[in-house]
Amino acid sequence: SERSNTVSSGDVSNFLDEAEKARIATERTVTDRIRTITRESRRSVLIESRDSNRRTWLHRNYLMK
């Protein structure tokens, strides 16, 4: 029998929430304004670039392990 690989919007939302709440594994200062933060959980890795002047993220990568 065929196995369904359907992913619901709830599945995606839960994955993103888990990644954003994961513990910080590393933080690195790139320039005087930019730093990267890597969060890691059992199922995911979130790599985020942040601008300290704007106090917001610039780019995010969500990866499933």
PDB file of N, CA and C in Angstrom:
ATOM      1  N   SER A   1       0.835  -1.191   0.000  1.00  0.00           N
ATOM      2  CA  SER A   1       0.000   0.000   0.000  1.00  0.00           C
ATOM      3  C   SER A   1       0.875   1.248   0.000  1.00  0.00           C
ATOM      4  N   GLU A   2       0.330   2.289  -0.598  1.00  0.00           N
ATOM      5  CA  GLU A   2       1.053   3.558  -0.647  1.00  0.00           C
ATOM      6  C   GLU A   2       0.882   4.318   0.658  1.00  0.00           C
ATOM      7  N   ARG A   3       1.950   4.975   1.061  1.00  0.00           N
ATOM      8  CA  ARG A   3       1.920   5.757   2.291  1.00  0.00           C
ATOM      9  C   ARG A   3       1.726   7.226   1.927  1.00  0.00           C
ATOM     10  N   SER A   4       0.831   7.889   2.603  1.00  0.00           N
ATOM     11  CA  SER A   4       0.573   9.295   2.329  1.00  0.00           C
ATOM     12  C   SER A   4       1.622  10.170   3.014  1.00  0.00           C
ATOM     13  N   ASN A   5       2.204  11.095   2.278  1.00  0.00           N
ATOM     14  CA  ASN A   5       3.182  12.031   2.812  1.00  0.00           C
ATOM     15  C   ASN A   5       2.604  13.438   2.871  1.00  0.00           C
ATOM     16  N   THR A   6       1.320  13.519   3.086  1.00  0.00           N
ATOM     17  CA  THR A   6       0.644  14.802   3.147  1.00  0.00           C
ATOM     18  C   THR A   6       1.028  15.543   4.412  1.00  0.00           C
ATOM     19  N   VAL A   7       1.350  16.816   4.250  1.00  0.00           N
ATOM     20  CA  VAL A   7       1.715  17.676   5.378  1.00  0.00           C
ATOM     21  C   VAL A   7       0.654  18.760   5.498  1.00  0.00           C
ATOM     22  N   SER A   8       0.105  18.918   6.690  1.00  0.00           N
ATOM     23  CA  SER A   8      -0.941  19.926   6.892  1.00  0.00           C
ATOM     24  C   SER A   8      -0.315  21.263   7.264  1.00  0.00           C
ATOM     25  N   SER A   9      -1.089  22.320   7.168  1.00  0.00           N
ATOM     26  CA  SER A   9      -0.605  23.642   7.585  1.00  0.00           C
ATOM     27  C   SER A   9      -0.304  23.637   9.083  1.00  0.00           C
ATOM     28  N   GLY A  10      -1.012  22.852   9.850  1.00  0.00           N
ATOM     29  CA  GLY A  10      -0.739  22.720  11.278  1.00  0.00           C
ATOM     30  C   GLY A  10       0.614  22.081  11.542  1.00  0.00           C
ATOM     31  N   ASP A  11       0.963  21.068  10.721  1.00  0.00           N
ATOM     32  CA  ASP A  11       2.277  20.428  10.826  1.00  0.00           C
ATOM     33  C   ASP A  11       3.387  21.451  10.589  1.00  0.00           C
ATOM     34  N   VAL A  12       3.216  22.270   9.569  1.00  0.00           N
ATOM     35  CA  VAL A  12       4.217  23.289   9.231  1.00  0.00           C
ATOM     36  C   VAL A  12       4.314  24.314  10.352  1.00  0.00           C
ATOM     37  N   SER A  13       3.189  24.771  10.841  1.00  0.00           N
ATOM     38  CA  SER A  13       3.161  25.751  11.930  1.00  0.00           C
ATOM     39  C   SER A  13       3.848  25.212  13.185  1.00  0.00           C
ATOM     40  N   ASN A  14       3.567  23.963  13.531  1.00  0.00           N
ATOM     41  CA  ASN A  14       4.196  23.337  14.699  1.00  0.00           C
ATOM     42  C   ASN A  14       5.707  23.216  14.516  1.00  0.00           C
ATOM     43  N   PHE A  15       6.141  22.855  13.316  1.00  0.00           N
ATOM     44  CA  PHE A  15       7.572  22.738  13.034  1.00  0.00           C
ATOM     45  C   PHE A  15       8.274  24.091  13.207  1.00  0.00           C
ATOM     46  N   LEU A  16       7.695  25.148  12.647  1.00  0.00           N
ATOM     47  CA  LEU A  16       8.288  26.484  12.749  1.00  0.00           C
ATOM     48  C   LEU A  16       8.323  26.959  14.205  1.00  0.00           C
ATOM     49  N   ASP A  17       7.240  26.739  14.934  1.00  0.00           N
ATOM     50  CA  ASP A  17       7.190  27.130  16.355  1.00  0.00           C
ATOM     51  C   ASP A  17       8.254  26.410  17.168  1.00  0.00           C
ATOM     52  N   GLU A  18       8.406  25.115  16.945  1.00  0.00           N
ATOM     53  CA  GLU A  18       9.403  24.332  17.670  1.00  0.00           C
ATOM     54  C   GLU A  18      10.809  24.852  17.382  1.00  0.00           C
ATOM     55  N   ALA A  19      11.092  25.140  16.116  1.00  0.00           N
ATOM     56  CA  ALA A  19      12.416  25.642  15.731  1.00  0.00           C
ATOM     57  C   ALA A  19      12.711  26.987  16.396  1.00  0.00           C
ATOM     58  N   GLU A  20      11.711  27.864  16.450  1.00  0.00           N
ATOM     59  CA  GLU A  20      11.895  29.194  17.031  1.00  0.00           C
ATOM     60  C   GLU A  20      12.057  29.156  18.552  1.00  0.00           C
ATOM     61  N   LYS A  21      11.540  28.122  19.199  1.00  0.00           N
ATOM     62  CA  LYS A  21      11.631  28.005  20.657  1.00  0.00           C
ATOM     63  C   LYS A  21      12.819  27.157  21.114  1.00  0.00           C
ATOM     64  N   ALA A  22      13.550  26.591  20.168  1.00  0.00           N
ATOM     65  CA  ALA A  22      14.667  25.705  20.509  1.00  0.00           C
ATOM     66  C   ALA A  22      15.784  26.476  21.206  1.00  0.00           C
ATOM     67  N   ARG A  23      16.626  25.715  21.919  1.00  0.00           N
ATOM     68  CA  ARG A  23      17.736  26.339  22.640  1.00  0.00           C
ATOM     69  C   ARG A  23      18.745  26.910  21.658  1.00  0.00           C
ATOM     70  N   ILE A  24      19.416  27.968  22.077  1.00  0.00           N
ATOM     71  CA  ILE A  24      20.458  28.564  21.255  1.00  0.00           C
ATOM     72  C   ILE A  24      21.696  27.676  21.344  1.00  0.00           C
ATOM     73  N   ALA A  25      22.143  27.198  20.206  1.00  0.00           N
ATOM     74  CA  ALA A  25      23.326  26.343  20.146  1.00  0.00           C
ATOM     75  C   ALA A  25      24.586  27.187  19.965  1.00  0.00           C
ATOM     76  N   THR A  26      24.509  28.223  19.103  1.00  0.00           N
ATOM     77  CA  THR A  26      25.648  29.117  18.894  1.00  0.00           C
ATOM     78  C   THR A  26      25.168  30.524  18.574  1.00  0.00           C
ATOM     79  N   GLU A  27      26.008  31.490  18.924  1.00  0.00           N
ATOM     80  CA  GLU A  27      25.818  32.887  18.523  1.00  0.00           C
ATOM     81  C   GLU A  27      27.166  33.383  18.033  1.00  0.00           C
ATOM     82  N   ARG A  28      27.139  34.130  16.931  1.00  0.00           N
ATOM     83  CA  ARG A  28      28.391  34.618  16.381  1.00  0.00           C
ATOM     84  C   ARG A  28      28.206  36.041  15.874  1.00  0.00           C
ATOM     85  N   THR A  29      29.111  36.927  16.237  1.00  0.00           N
ATOM     86  CA  THR A  29      29.105  38.299  15.737  1.00  0.00           C
ATOM     87  C   THR A  29      29.821  38.311  14.398  1.00  0.00           C
ATOM     88  N   VAL A  30      29.134  38.816  13.370  1.00  0.00           N
ATOM     89  CA  VAL A  30      29.692  38.868  12.019  1.00  0.00           C
ATOM     90  C   VAL A  30      30.325  40.233  11.776  1.00  0.00           C
ATOM     91  N   THR A  31      29.574  41.289  12.088  1.00  0.00           N
ATOM     92  CA  THR A  31      30.068  42.666  12.018  1.00  0.00           C
ATOM     93  C   THR A  31      29.570  43.385  13.266  1.00  0.00           C
ATOM     94  N   ASP A  32      29.850  44.695  13.358  1.00  0.00           N
ATOM     95  CA  ASP A  32      29.361  45.437  14.525  1.00  0.00           C
ATOM     96  C   ASP A  32      27.836  45.509  14.568  1.00  0.00           C
ATOM     97  N   ARG A  33      27.176  45.250  13.449  1.00  0.00           N
ATOM     98  CA  ARG A  33      25.711  45.277  13.404  1.00  0.00           C
ATOM     99  C   ARG A  33      25.071  43.909  13.266  1.00  0.00           C
ATOM    100  N   ILE A  34      25.736  42.986  12.618  1.00  0.00           N
ATOM    101  CA  ILE A  34      25.121  41.715  12.244  1.00  0.00           C
ATOM    102  C   ILE A  34      25.670  40.574  13.090  1.00  0.00           C
ATOM    103  N   ARG A  35      24.744  39.711  13.531  1.00  0.00           N
ATOM    104  CA  ARG A  35      25.152  38.486  14.225  1.00  0.00           C
ATOM    105  C   ARG A  35      24.265  37.345  13.765  1.00  0.00           C
ATOM    106  N   THR A  36      24.777  36.142  13.889  1.00  0.00           N
ATOM    107  CA  THR A  36      23.998  34.960  13.544  1.00  0.00           C
ATOM    108  C   THR A  36      23.728  34.157  14.810  1.00  0.00           C
ATOM    109  N   ILE A  37      22.557  33.596  14.855  1.00  0.00           N
ATOM    110  CA  ILE A  37      22.127  32.755  15.970  1.00  0.00           C
ATOM    111  C   ILE A  37      21.648  31.432  15.383  1.00  0.00           C
ATOM    112  N   THR A  38      22.120  30.341  15.949  1.00  0.00           N
ATOM    113  CA  THR A  38      21.682  29.010  15.527  1.00  0.00           C
ATOM    114  C   THR A  38      20.934  28.373  16.687  1.00  0.00           C
ATOM    115  N   ARG A  39      19.695  27.983  16.437  1.00  0.00           N
ATOM    116  CA  ARG A  39      18.870  27.285  17.427  1.00  0.00           C
ATOM    117  C   ARG A  39      18.715  25.842  16.956  1.00  0.00           C
ATOM    118  N   GLU A  40      18.789  24.925  17.906  1.00  0.00           N
ATOM    119  CA  GLU A  40      18.721  23.522  17.522  1.00  0.00           C
ATOM    120  C   GLU A  40      17.827  22.735  18.474  1.00  0.00           C
ATOM    121  N   SER A  41      16.916  21.973  17.882  1.00  0.00           N
ATOM    122  CA  SER A  41      16.058  21.062  18.646  1.00  0.00           C
ATOM    123  C   SER A  41      16.322  19.645  18.162  1.00  0.00           C
ATOM    124  N   ARG A  42      15.578  18.712  18.679  1.00  0.00           N
ATOM    125  CA  ARG A  42      15.716  17.311  18.274  1.00  0.00           C
ATOM    126  C   ARG A  42      15.402  17.127  16.790  1.00  0.00           C
ATOM    127  N   ARG A  43      14.458  17.910  16.258  1.00  0.00           N
ATOM    128  CA  ARG A  43      14.006  17.737  14.878  1.00  0.00           C
ATOM    129  C   ARG A  43      14.436  18.829  13.914  1.00  0.00           C
ATOM    130  N   SER A  44      14.968  19.960  14.429  1.00  0.00           N
ATOM    131  CA  SER A  44      15.191  21.098  13.543  1.00  0.00           C
ATOM    132  C   SER A  44      16.435  21.902  13.890  1.00  0.00           C
ATOM    133  N   VAL A  45      16.839  22.714  12.902  1.00  0.00           N
ATOM    134  CA  VAL A  45      17.894  23.704  13.079  1.00  0.00           C
ATOM    135  C   VAL A  45      17.364  24.996  12.464  1.00  0.00           C
ATOM    136  N   LEU A  46      17.485  26.097  13.197  1.00  0.00           N
ATOM    137  CA  LEU A  46      17.097  27.411  12.703  1.00  0.00           C
ATOM    138  C   LEU A  46      18.335  28.283  12.744  1.00  0.00           C
ATOM    139  N   ILE A  47      18.722  28.821  11.582  1.00  0.00           N
ATOM    140  CA  ILE A  47      19.857  29.733  11.488  1.00  0.00           C
ATOM    141  C   ILE A  47      19.298  31.096  11.124  1.00  0.00           C
ATOM    142  N   GLU A  48      19.614  32.080  11.955  1.00  0.00           N
ATOM    143  CA  GLU A  48      19.015  33.409  11.815  1.00  0.00           C
ATOM    144  C   GLU A  48      20.104  34.470  11.800  1.00  0.00           C
ATOM    145  N   SER A  49      20.012  35.408  10.853  1.00  0.00           N
ATOM    146  CA  SER A  49      20.877  36.580  10.826  1.00  0.00           C
ATOM    147  C   SER A  49      20.073  37.750  11.372  1.00  0.00           C
ATOM    148  N   ARG A  50      20.688  38.514  12.293  1.00  0.00           N
ATOM    149  CA  ARG A  50      19.983  39.624  12.938  1.00  0.00           C
ATOM    150  C   ARG A  50      20.744  40.923  12.772  1.00  0.00           C
ATOM    151  N   ASP A  51      19.998  42.031  12.643  1.00  0.00           N
ATOM    152  CA  ASP A  51      20.549  43.385  12.574  1.00  0.00           C
ATOM    153  C   ASP A  51      20.299  44.052  13.916  1.00  0.00           C
ATOM    154  N   SER A  52      21.357  44.346  14.656  1.00  0.00           N
ATOM    155  CA  SER A  52      21.189  44.923  15.993  1.00  0.00           C
ATOM    156  C   SER A  52      20.663  46.354  15.953  1.00  0.00           C
ATOM    157  N   ASN A  53      20.887  47.088  14.870  1.00  0.00           N
ATOM    158  CA  ASN A  53      20.360  48.452  14.772  1.00  0.00           C
ATOM    159  C   ASN A  53      18.852  48.466  14.584  1.00  0.00           C
ATOM    160  N   ARG A  54      18.349  47.527  13.826  1.00  0.00           N
ATOM    161  CA  ARG A  54      16.907  47.457  13.567  1.00  0.00           C
ATOM    162  C   ARG A  54      16.182  46.542  14.533  1.00  0.00           C
ATOM    163  N   ARG A  55      16.948  45.781  15.325  1.00  0.00           N
ATOM    164  CA  ARG A  55      16.385  44.853  16.308  1.00  0.00           C
ATOM    165  C   ARG A  55      15.391  43.871  15.684  1.00  0.00           C
ATOM    166  N   THR A  56      15.781  43.343  14.536  1.00  0.00           N
ATOM    167  CA  THR A  56      14.934  42.383  13.840  1.00  0.00           C
ATOM    168  C   THR A  56      15.804  41.385  13.088  1.00  0.00           C
ATOM    169  N   TRP A  57      15.206  40.294  12.641  1.00  0.00           N
ATOM    170  CA  TRP A  57      15.950  39.334  11.851  1.00  0.00           C
ATOM    171  C   TRP A  57      15.974  39.786  10.404  1.00  0.00           C
ATOM    172  N   LEU A  58      17.052  39.409   9.709  1.00  0.00           N
ATOM    173  CA  LEU A  58      17.222  39.724   8.290  1.00  0.00           C
ATOM    174  C   LEU A  58      16.903  38.519   7.422  1.00  0.00           C
ATOM    175  N   HIS A  59      17.319  37.351   7.900  1.00  0.00           N
ATOM    176  CA  HIS A  59      17.153  36.127   7.117  1.00  0.00           C
ATOM    177  C   HIS A  59      17.062  34.940   8.072  1.00  0.00           C
ATOM    178  N   ARG A  60      16.239  33.969   7.707  1.00  0.00           N
ATOM    179  CA  ARG A  60      16.108  32.750   8.503  1.00  0.00           C
ATOM    180  C   ARG A  60      16.128  31.527   7.593  1.00  0.00           C
ATOM    181  N   ASN A  61      16.811  30.490   8.056  1.00  0.00           N
ATOM    182  CA  ASN A  61      16.805  29.180   7.402  1.00  0.00           C
ATOM    183  C   ASN A  61      16.255  28.170   8.383  1.00  0.00           C
ATOM    184  N   TYR A  62      15.214  27.459   7.995  1.00  0.00           N
ATOM    185  CA  TYR A  62      14.637  26.387   8.815  1.00  0.00           C
ATOM    186  C   TYR A  62      14.999  25.064   8.160  1.00  0.00           C
ATOM    187  N   LEU A  63      15.655  24.193   8.910  1.00  0.00           N
ATOM    188  CA  LEU A  63      16.072  22.901   8.375  1.00  0.00           C
ATOM    189  C   LEU A  63      15.525  21.773   9.241  1.00  0.00           C
ATOM    190  N   MET A  64      15.029  20.725   8.584  1.00  0.00           N
ATOM    191  CA  MET A  64      14.568  19.555   9.301  1.00  0.00           C
ATOM    192  C   MET A  64      15.701  18.537   9.330  1.00  0.00           C
ATOM    193  N   LYS A  65      15.955  17.970  10.499  1.00  0.00           N
ATOM    194  CA  LYS A  65      17.006  16.951  10.628  1.00  0.00           C
ATOM    195  C   LYS A  65      16.538  15.634  10.065  1.00  0.00           C
TER     196      LYS A  65
END
